[in-house]
PDB file of N, CA and C in Angstrom:
ATOM      1  N   MET A   1       3.164  -1.770  13.957  1.00  0.00           N
ATOM      2  CA  MET A   1       3.138  -2.792  12.931  1.00  0.00           C
ATOM      3  C   MET A   1       3.601  -4.096  13.567  1.00  0.00           C
ATOM      4  N   THR A   2       2.916  -5.157  13.244  1.00  0.00           N
ATOM      5  CA  THR A   2       3.263  -6.452  13.801  1.00  0.00           C
ATOM      6  C   THR A   2       4.531  -7.001  13.139  1.00  0.00           C
ATOM      7  N   LEU A   3       5.107  -8.012  13.741  1.00  0.00           N
ATOM      8  CA  LEU A   3       6.321  -8.620  13.198  1.00  0.00           C
ATOM      9  C   LEU A   3       6.069  -9.188  11.804  1.00  0.00           C
ATOM     10  N   LEU A   4       4.939  -9.858  11.626  1.00  0.00           N
ATOM     11  CA  LEU A   4       4.606 -10.424  10.319  1.00  0.00           C
ATOM     12  C   LEU A   4       4.422  -9.318   9.276  1.00  0.00           C
ATOM     13  N   ALA A   5       3.824  -8.219   9.664  1.00  0.00           N
ATOM     14  CA  ALA A   5       3.666  -7.087   8.746  1.00  0.00           C
ATOM     15  C   ALA A   5       5.027  -6.494   8.374  1.00  0.00           C
ATOM     16  N   HIS A   6       5.948  -6.445   9.328  1.00  0.00           N
ATOM     17  CA  HIS A   6       7.310  -5.978   9.033  1.00  0.00           C
ATOM     18  C   HIS A   6       7.985  -6.887   8.009  1.00  0.00           C
ATOM     19  N   ILE A   7       7.791  -8.180   8.160  1.00  0.00           N
ATOM     20  CA  ILE A   7       8.381  -9.139   7.220  1.00  0.00           C
ATOM     21  C   ILE A   7       7.765  -8.968   5.835  1.00  0.00           C
ATOM     22  N   PHE A   8       6.436  -8.786   5.778  1.00  0.00           N
ATOM     23  CA  PHE A   8       5.764  -8.601   4.505  1.00  0.00           C
ATOM     24  C   PHE A   8       6.152  -7.263   3.857  1.00  0.00           C
ATOM     25  N   ALA A   9       6.569  -6.295   4.657  1.00  0.00           N
ATOM     26  CA  ALA A   9       6.955  -4.994   4.121  1.00  0.00           C
ATOM     27  C   ALA A   9       8.365  -4.993   3.522  1.00  0.00           C
ATOM     28  N   LEU A  10       9.178  -5.990   3.836  1.00  0.00           N
ATOM     29  CA  LEU A  10      10.555  -6.027   3.323  1.00  0.00           C
ATOM     30  C   LEU A  10      10.635  -6.022   1.798  1.00  0.00           C
ATOM     31  N   PRO A  11       9.849  -6.831   1.079  1.00  0.00           N
ATOM     32  CA  PRO A  11       9.927  -6.755  -0.389  1.00  0.00           C
ATOM     33  C   PRO A  11       9.491  -5.394  -0.941  1.00  0.00           C
ATOM     34  N   VAL A  12       8.533  -4.763  -0.291  1.00  0.00           N
ATOM     35  CA  VAL A  12       8.081  -3.444  -0.735  1.00  0.00           C
ATOM     36  C   VAL A  12       9.202  -2.424  -0.548  1.00  0.00           C
ATOM     37  N   ARG A  13       9.850  -2.486   0.603  1.00  0.00           N
ATOM     38  CA  ARG A  13      10.967  -1.563   0.863  1.00  0.00           C
ATOM     39  C   ARG A  13      12.125  -1.821  -0.095  1.00  0.00           C
ATOM     40  N   ALA A  14      12.382  -3.087  -0.412  1.00  0.00           N
ATOM     41  CA  ALA A  14      13.440  -3.423  -1.368  1.00  0.00           C
ATOM     42  C   ALA A  14      13.089  -2.883  -2.755  1.00  0.00           C
ATOM     43  N   TYR A  15      11.833  -3.021  -3.157  1.00  0.00           N
ATOM     44  CA  TYR A  15      11.397  -2.470  -4.440  1.00  0.00           C
ATOM     45  C   TYR A  15      11.621  -0.963  -4.487  1.00  0.00           C
ATOM     46  N   ARG A  16      11.232  -0.268  -3.412  1.00  0.00           N
ATOM     47  CA  ARG A  16      11.388   1.190  -3.380  1.00  0.00           C
ATOM     48  C   ARG A  16      12.860   1.600  -3.435  1.00  0.00           C
ATOM     49  N   LEU A  17      13.715   0.802  -2.855  1.00  0.00           N
ATOM     50  CA  LEU A  17      15.134   1.122  -2.812  1.00  0.00           C
ATOM     51  C   LEU A  17      15.844   0.791  -4.123  1.00  0.00           C
ATOM     52  N   VAL A  18      15.530  -0.362  -4.708  1.00  0.00           N
ATOM     53  CA  VAL A  18      16.281  -0.859  -5.859  1.00  0.00           C
ATOM     54  C   VAL A  18      15.602  -0.544  -7.193  1.00  0.00           C
ATOM     55  N   PHE A  19      14.354  -0.954  -7.351  1.00  0.00           N
ATOM     56  CA  PHE A  19      13.709  -0.895  -8.663  1.00  0.00           C
ATOM     57  C   PHE A  19      12.985   0.406  -8.956  1.00  0.00           C
ATOM     58  N   SER A  20      12.420   1.038  -7.968  1.00  0.00           N
ATOM     59  CA  SER A  20      11.624   2.240  -8.197  1.00  0.00           C
ATOM     60  C   SER A  20      12.393   3.352  -8.909  1.00  0.00           C
ATOM     61  N   PRO A  21      13.659   3.612  -8.566  1.00  0.00           N
ATOM     62  CA  PRO A  21      14.381   4.649  -9.313  1.00  0.00           C
ATOM     63  C   PRO A  21      14.578   4.303 -10.794  1.00  0.00           C
ATOM     64  N   TRP A  22      14.668   3.019 -11.128  1.00  0.00           N
ATOM     65  CA  TRP A  22      14.848   2.616 -12.529  1.00  0.00           C
ATOM     66  C   TRP A  22      13.544   2.691 -13.307  1.00  0.00           C
ATOM     67  N   VAL A  23      12.449   2.314 -12.648  1.00  0.00           N
ATOM     68  CA  VAL A  23      11.156   2.287 -13.319  1.00  0.00           C
ATOM     69  C   VAL A  23      10.666   3.701 -13.620  1.00  0.00           C
ATOM     70  N   GLY A  24      10.939   4.606 -12.720  1.00  0.00           N
ATOM     71  CA  GLY A  24      10.488   5.983 -12.897  1.00  0.00           C
ATOM     72  C   GLY A  24       9.289   6.288 -12.019  1.00  0.00           C
ATOM     73  N   PHE A  25       8.876   7.521 -12.074  1.00  0.00           N
ATOM     74  CA  PHE A  25       7.789   7.979 -11.215  1.00  0.00           C
ATOM     75  C   PHE A  25       6.583   8.313 -12.091  1.00  0.00           C
ATOM     76  N   ASN A  26       5.929   7.301 -12.597  1.00  0.00           N
ATOM     77  CA  ASN A  26       4.765   7.496 -13.453  1.00  0.00           C
ATOM     78  C   ASN A  26       3.570   6.723 -12.902  1.00  0.00           C
ATOM     79  N   CYS A  27       3.258   6.929 -11.657  1.00  0.00           N
ATOM     80  CA  CYS A  27       2.180   6.207 -10.996  1.00  0.00           C
ATOM     81  C   CYS A  27       0.833   6.812 -11.365  1.00  0.00           C
ATOM     82  N   ARG A  28      -0.162   5.949 -11.470  1.00  0.00           N
ATOM     83  CA  ARG A  28      -1.518   6.373 -11.813  1.00  0.00           C
ATOM     84  C   ARG A  28      -2.267   6.890 -10.585  1.00  0.00           C
ATOM     85  N   TYR A  29      -1.875   6.417  -9.436  1.00  0.00           N
ATOM     86  CA  TYR A  29      -2.606   6.734  -8.206  1.00  0.00           C
ATOM     87  C   TYR A  29      -1.749   7.557  -7.254  1.00  0.00           C
ATOM     88  N   GLN A  30      -2.419   8.242  -6.340  1.00  0.00           N
ATOM     89  CA  GLN A  30      -1.784   8.913  -5.217  1.00  0.00           C
ATOM     90  C   GLN A  30      -2.399   8.333  -3.964  1.00  0.00           C
ATOM     91  N   PRO A  31      -1.711   7.863  -3.006  1.00  0.00           N
ATOM     92  CA  PRO A  31      -0.277   7.633  -2.953  1.00  0.00           C
ATOM     93  C   PRO A  31       0.138   6.508  -3.897  1.00  0.00           C
ATOM     94  N   THR A  32       1.423   6.411  -4.139  1.00  0.00           N
ATOM     95  CA  THR A  32       1.928   5.366  -5.030  1.00  0.00           C
ATOM     96  C   THR A  32       1.594   3.990  -4.460  1.00  0.00           C
ATOM     97  N   CYS A  33       1.668   2.978  -5.290  1.00  0.00           N
ATOM     98  CA  CYS A  33       1.304   1.621  -4.849  1.00  0.00           C
ATOM     99  C   CYS A  33       2.198   1.134  -3.709  1.00  0.00           C
ATOM    100  N   SER A  34       3.487   1.471  -3.765  1.00  0.00           N
ATOM    101  CA  SER A  34       4.377   1.016  -2.689  1.00  0.00           C
ATOM    102  C   SER A  34       4.075   1.745  -1.383  1.00  0.00           C
ATOM    103  N   ALA A  35       3.792   3.048  -1.454  1.00  0.00           N
ATOM    104  CA  ALA A  35       3.419   3.786  -0.248  1.00  0.00           C
ATOM    105  C   ALA A  35       2.081   3.280   0.290  1.00  0.00           C
ATOM    106  N   TYR A  36       1.155   2.971  -0.604  1.00  0.00           N
ATOM    107  CA  TYR A  36      -0.139   2.411  -0.223  1.00  0.00           C
ATOM    108  C   TYR A  36       0.053   1.073   0.496  1.00  0.00           C
ATOM    109  N   ALA A  37       0.926   0.232  -0.058  1.00  0.00           N
ATOM    110  CA  ALA A  37       1.167  -1.081   0.546  1.00  0.00           C
ATOM    111  C   ALA A  37       1.748  -0.946   1.952  1.00  0.00           C
ATOM    112  N   LEU A  38       2.714  -0.068   2.127  1.00  0.00           N
ATOM    113  CA  LEU A  38       3.309   0.112   3.456  1.00  0.00           C
ATOM    114  C   LEU A  38       2.286   0.659   4.450  1.00  0.00           C
ATOM    115  N   GLU A  39       1.465   1.604   4.015  1.00  0.00           N
ATOM    116  CA  GLU A  39       0.452   2.165   4.906  1.00  0.00           C
ATOM    117  C   GLU A  39      -0.626   1.130   5.235  1.00  0.00           C
ATOM    118  N   ALA A  40      -1.004   0.321   4.255  1.00  0.00           N
ATOM    119  CA  ALA A  40      -1.998  -0.726   4.497  1.00  0.00           C
ATOM    120  C   ALA A  40      -1.470  -1.766   5.481  1.00  0.00           C
ATOM    121  N   LEU A  41      -0.210  -2.141   5.337  1.00  0.00           N
ATOM    122  CA  LEU A  41       0.386  -3.089   6.283  1.00  0.00           C
ATOM    123  C   LEU A  41       0.443  -2.501   7.683  1.00  0.00           C
ATOM    124  N   GLU A  42       0.733  -1.217   7.776  1.00  0.00           N
ATOM    125  CA  GLU A  42       0.815  -0.570   9.086  1.00  0.00           C
ATOM    126  C   GLU A  42      -0.563  -0.460   9.732  1.00  0.00           C
ATOM    127  N   LYS A  43      -1.569  -0.060   8.966  1.00  0.00           N
ATOM    128  CA  LYS A  43      -2.907   0.151   9.524  1.00  0.00           C
ATOM    129  C   LYS A  43      -3.661  -1.148   9.778  1.00  0.00           C
ATOM    130  N   HIS A  44      -3.544  -2.102   8.850  1.00  0.00           N
ATOM    131  CA  HIS A  44      -4.411  -3.278   8.885  1.00  0.00           C
ATOM    132  C   HIS A  44      -3.718  -4.580   9.226  1.00  0.00           C
ATOM    133  N   GLY A  45      -2.398  -4.584   9.332  1.00  0.00           N
ATOM    134  CA  GLY A  45      -1.694  -5.815   9.638  1.00  0.00           C
ATOM    135  C   GLY A  45      -1.304  -6.568   8.381  1.00  0.00           C
ATOM    136  N   ALA A  46      -0.708  -7.734   8.573  1.00  0.00           N
ATOM    137  CA  ALA A  46      -0.092  -8.470   7.468  1.00  0.00           C
ATOM    138  C   ALA A  46      -1.111  -9.026   6.482  1.00  0.00           C
ATOM    139  N   ILE A  47      -2.142  -9.675   6.951  1.00  0.00           N
ATOM    140  CA  ILE A  47      -3.058 -10.378   6.056  1.00  0.00           C
ATOM    141  C   ILE A  47      -3.936  -9.396   5.279  1.00  0.00           C
ATOM    142  N   LYS A  48      -4.687  -8.570   5.983  1.00  0.00           N
ATOM    143  CA  LYS A  48      -5.578  -7.632   5.302  1.00  0.00           C
ATOM    144  C   LYS A  48      -4.782  -6.578   4.539  1.00  0.00           C
ATOM    145  N   GLY A  49      -3.652  -6.135   5.087  1.00  0.00           N
ATOM    146  CA  GLY A  49      -2.817  -5.164   4.392  1.00  0.00           C
ATOM    147  C   GLY A  49      -2.275  -5.703   3.082  1.00  0.00           C
ATOM    148  N   THR A  50      -1.873  -6.969   3.072  1.00  0.00           N
ATOM    149  CA  THR A  50      -1.402  -7.598   1.841  1.00  0.00           C
ATOM    150  C   THR A  50      -2.540  -7.710   0.841  1.00  0.00           C
ATOM    151  N   TRP A  51      -3.725  -8.069   1.309  1.00  0.00           N
ATOM    152  CA  TRP A  51      -4.891  -8.169   0.427  1.00  0.00           C
ATOM    153  C   TRP A  51      -5.212  -6.810  -0.196  1.00  0.00           C
ATOM    154  N   LEU A  52      -5.216  -5.753   0.612  1.00  0.00           N
ATOM    155  CA  LEU A  52      -5.505  -4.411   0.092  1.00  0.00           C
ATOM    156  C   LEU A  52      -4.449  -3.981  -0.916  1.00  0.00           C
ATOM    157  N   ALA A  53      -3.183  -4.260  -0.639  1.00  0.00           N
ATOM    158  CA  ALA A  53      -2.110  -3.897  -1.563  1.00  0.00           C
ATOM    159  C   ALA A  53      -2.222  -4.676  -2.866  1.00  0.00           C
ATOM    160  N   ALA A  54      -2.563  -5.949  -2.788  1.00  0.00           N
ATOM    161  CA  ALA A  54      -2.719  -6.753  -4.002  1.00  0.00           C
ATOM    162  C   ALA A  54      -3.893  -6.258  -4.843  1.00  0.00           C
ATOM    163  N   ARG A  55      -4.987  -5.878  -4.200  1.00  0.00           N
ATOM    164  CA  ARG A  55      -6.123  -5.313  -4.932  1.00  0.00           C
ATOM    165  C   ARG A  55      -5.736  -4.020  -5.625  1.00  0.00           C
ATOM    166  N   ARG A  56      -4.980  -3.199  -4.932  1.00  0.00           N
ATOM    167  CA  ARG A  56      -4.553  -1.919  -5.514  1.00  0.00           C
ATOM    168  C   ARG A  56      -3.643  -2.144  -6.716  1.00  0.00           C
ATOM    169  N   ILE A  57      -2.679  -3.040  -6.598  1.00  0.00           N
ATOM    170  CA  ILE A  57      -1.769  -3.335  -7.705  1.00  0.00           C
ATOM    171  C   ILE A  57      -2.556  -3.938  -8.870  1.00  0.00           C
ATOM    172  N   GLY A  58      -3.568  -4.732  -8.579  1.00  0.00           N
ATOM    173  CA  GLY A  58      -4.415  -5.305  -9.623  1.00  0.00           C
ATOM    174  C   GLY A  58      -5.217  -4.264 -10.388  1.00  0.00           C
ATOM    175  N   ARG A  59      -5.503  -3.143  -9.754  1.00  0.00           N
ATOM    176  CA  ARG A  59      -6.233  -2.066 -10.432  1.00  0.00           C
ATOM    177  C   ARG A  59      -5.329  -1.181 -11.269  1.00  0.00           C
ATOM    178  N   CYS A  60      -4.043  -1.361 -11.163  1.00  0.00           N
ATOM    179  CA  CYS A  60      -3.091  -0.500 -11.862  1.00  0.00           C
ATOM    180  C   CYS A  60      -2.771  -1.105 -13.235  1.00  0.00           C
ATOM    181  N   HIS A  61      -3.600  -0.763 -14.210  1.00  0.00           N
ATOM    182  CA  HIS A  61      -3.402  -1.217 -15.588  1.00  0.00           C
ATOM    183  C   HIS A  61      -3.938  -0.132 -16.520  1.00  0.00           C
ATOM    184  N   PRO A  62      -3.673  -0.222 -17.801  1.00  0.00           N
ATOM    185  CA  PRO A  62      -4.064   0.858 -18.720  1.00  0.00           C
ATOM    186  C   PRO A  62      -5.559   1.196 -18.709  1.00  0.00           C
ATOM    187  N   TRP A  63      -6.436   0.245 -18.406  1.00  0.00           N
ATOM    188  CA  TRP A  63      -7.866   0.512 -18.388  1.00  0.00           C
ATOM    189  C   TRP A  63      -8.391   0.764 -16.983  1.00  0.00           C
ATOM    190  N   GLY A  64      -7.489   0.814 -16.019  1.00  0.00           N
ATOM    191  CA  GLY A  64      -7.878   1.054 -14.633  1.00  0.00           C
ATOM    192  C   GLY A  64      -8.075   2.534 -14.373  1.00  0.00           C
ATOM    193  N   GLY A  65      -8.362   2.848 -13.133  1.00  0.00           N
ATOM    194  CA  GLY A  65      -8.596   4.230 -12.754  1.00  0.00           C
ATOM    195  C   GLY A  65      -7.304   4.960 -12.450  1.00  0.00           C
ATOM    196  N   ASP A  66      -7.474   6.151 -11.925  1.00  0.00           N
ATOM    197  CA  ASP A  66      -6.337   6.948 -11.484  1.00  0.00           C
ATOM    198  C   ASP A  66      -6.854   7.963 -10.473  1.00  0.00           C
ATOM    199  N   GLY A  67      -5.947   8.714  -9.893  1.00  0.00           N
ATOM    200  CA  GLY A  67      -6.337   9.744  -8.942  1.00  0.00           C
ATOM    201  C   GLY A  67      -5.988   9.376  -7.512  1.00  0.00           C
ATOM    202  N   TYR A  68      -6.666  10.052  -6.589  1.00  0.00           N
ATOM    203  CA  TYR A  68      -6.411   9.871  -5.166  1.00  0.00           C
ATOM    204  C   TYR A  68      -7.158   8.641  -4.665  1.00  0.00           C
ATOM    205  N   ASP A  69      -6.430   7.704  -4.075  1.00  0.00           N
ATOM    206  CA  ASP A  69      -7.000   6.449  -3.583  1.00  0.00           C
ATOM    207  C   ASP A  69      -6.336   6.117  -2.249  1.00  0.00           C
ATOM    208  N   PRO A  70      -6.873   6.640  -1.135  1.00  0.00           N
ATOM    209  CA  PRO A  70      -6.232   6.395   0.164  1.00  0.00           C
ATOM    210  C   PRO A  70      -6.531   5.000   0.700  1.00  0.00           C
ATOM    211  N   VAL A  71      -5.738   4.580   1.662  1.00  0.00           N
ATOM    212  CA  VAL A  71      -5.975   3.316   2.372  1.00  0.00           C
ATOM    213  C   VAL A  71      -7.224   3.505   3.228  1.00  0.00           C
ATOM    214  N   PRO A  72      -8.168   2.554   3.173  1.00  0.00           N
ATOM    215  CA  PRO A  72      -9.374   2.696   4.001  1.00  0.00           C
ATOM    216  C   PRO A  72      -9.041   2.647   5.486  1.00  0.00           C
ATOM    217  N   ASP A  73      -9.885   3.289   6.266  1.00  0.00           N
ATOM    218  CA  ASP A  73      -9.705   3.267   7.719  1.00  0.00           C
ATOM    219  C   ASP A  73      -9.972   1.870   8.254  1.00  0.00           C
ATOM    220  N   THR A  74      -9.522   1.636   9.478  1.00  0.00           N
ATOM    221  CA  THR A  74      -9.665   0.325  10.093  1.00  0.00           C
ATOM    222  C   THR A  74     -11.085   0.024  10.512  1.00  0.00           C
ATOM    223  N   GLY A  75     -11.905   1.044  10.654  1.00  0.00           N
ATOM    224  CA  GLY A  75     -13.275   0.814  11.078  1.00  0.00           C
ATOM    225  C   GLY A  75     -13.444   0.787  12.580  1.00  0.00           C
ATOM    226  N   LYS A  76     -12.347   0.917  13.299  1.00  0.00           N
ATOM    227  CA  LYS A  76     -12.415   0.943  14.755  1.00  0.00           C
ATOM    228  C   LYS A  76     -12.833   2.336  15.191  1.00  0.00           C
ATOM    229  N   ARG A  77     -13.747   2.386  16.127  1.00  0.00           N
ATOM    230  CA  ARG A  77     -14.202   3.677  16.633  1.00  0.00           C
ATOM    231  C   ARG A  77     -13.314   4.085  17.804  1.00  0.00           C
ATOM    232  N   THR A  78     -13.056   5.368  17.850  1.00  0.00           N
ATOM    233  CA  THR A  78     -12.285   5.900  18.981  1.00  0.00           C
ATOM    234  C   THR A  78     -13.243   6.634  19.910  1.00  0.00           C
ATOM    235  N   LYS A  79     -12.951   6.603  21.182  1.00  0.00           N
ATOM    236  CA  LYS A  79     -13.781   7.263  22.172  1.00  0.00           C
ATOM    237  C   LYS A  79     -13.466   8.753  22.169  1.00  0.00           C
ATOM    238  N   LYS A  80     -14.518   9.554  21.988  1.00  0.00           N
ATOM    239  CA  LYS A  80     -14.343  11.006  22.008  1.00  0.00           C
ATOM    240  C   LYS A  80     -14.583  11.511  23.421  1.00  0.00           C
ATOM    241  N   ASP A  81     -13.682  12.342  23.885  1.00  0.00           N
ATOM    242  CA  ASP A  81     -13.835  12.889  25.247  1.00  0.00           C
ATOM    243  C   ASP A  81     -14.599  14.177  25.227  1.00  0.00           C
TER     244      ASP A  81
END
């Protein structure tokens, strides 16, 4: 994870530490939005990871979907030996 992604992850980690226990565990999606945000920042970096996390949080409303929604892959191909 880049330095900027680490900085962007601080509010997410603070939310998980402070507010998440008070709010409860009633997430519509798997993984939870905070876990999704941290994974998106790790896989895609600060800018795209923040965009993906914001899109995910925007979908979390009473008329939105639910279920399994993983972070998309980076699209980079790996060399198979």
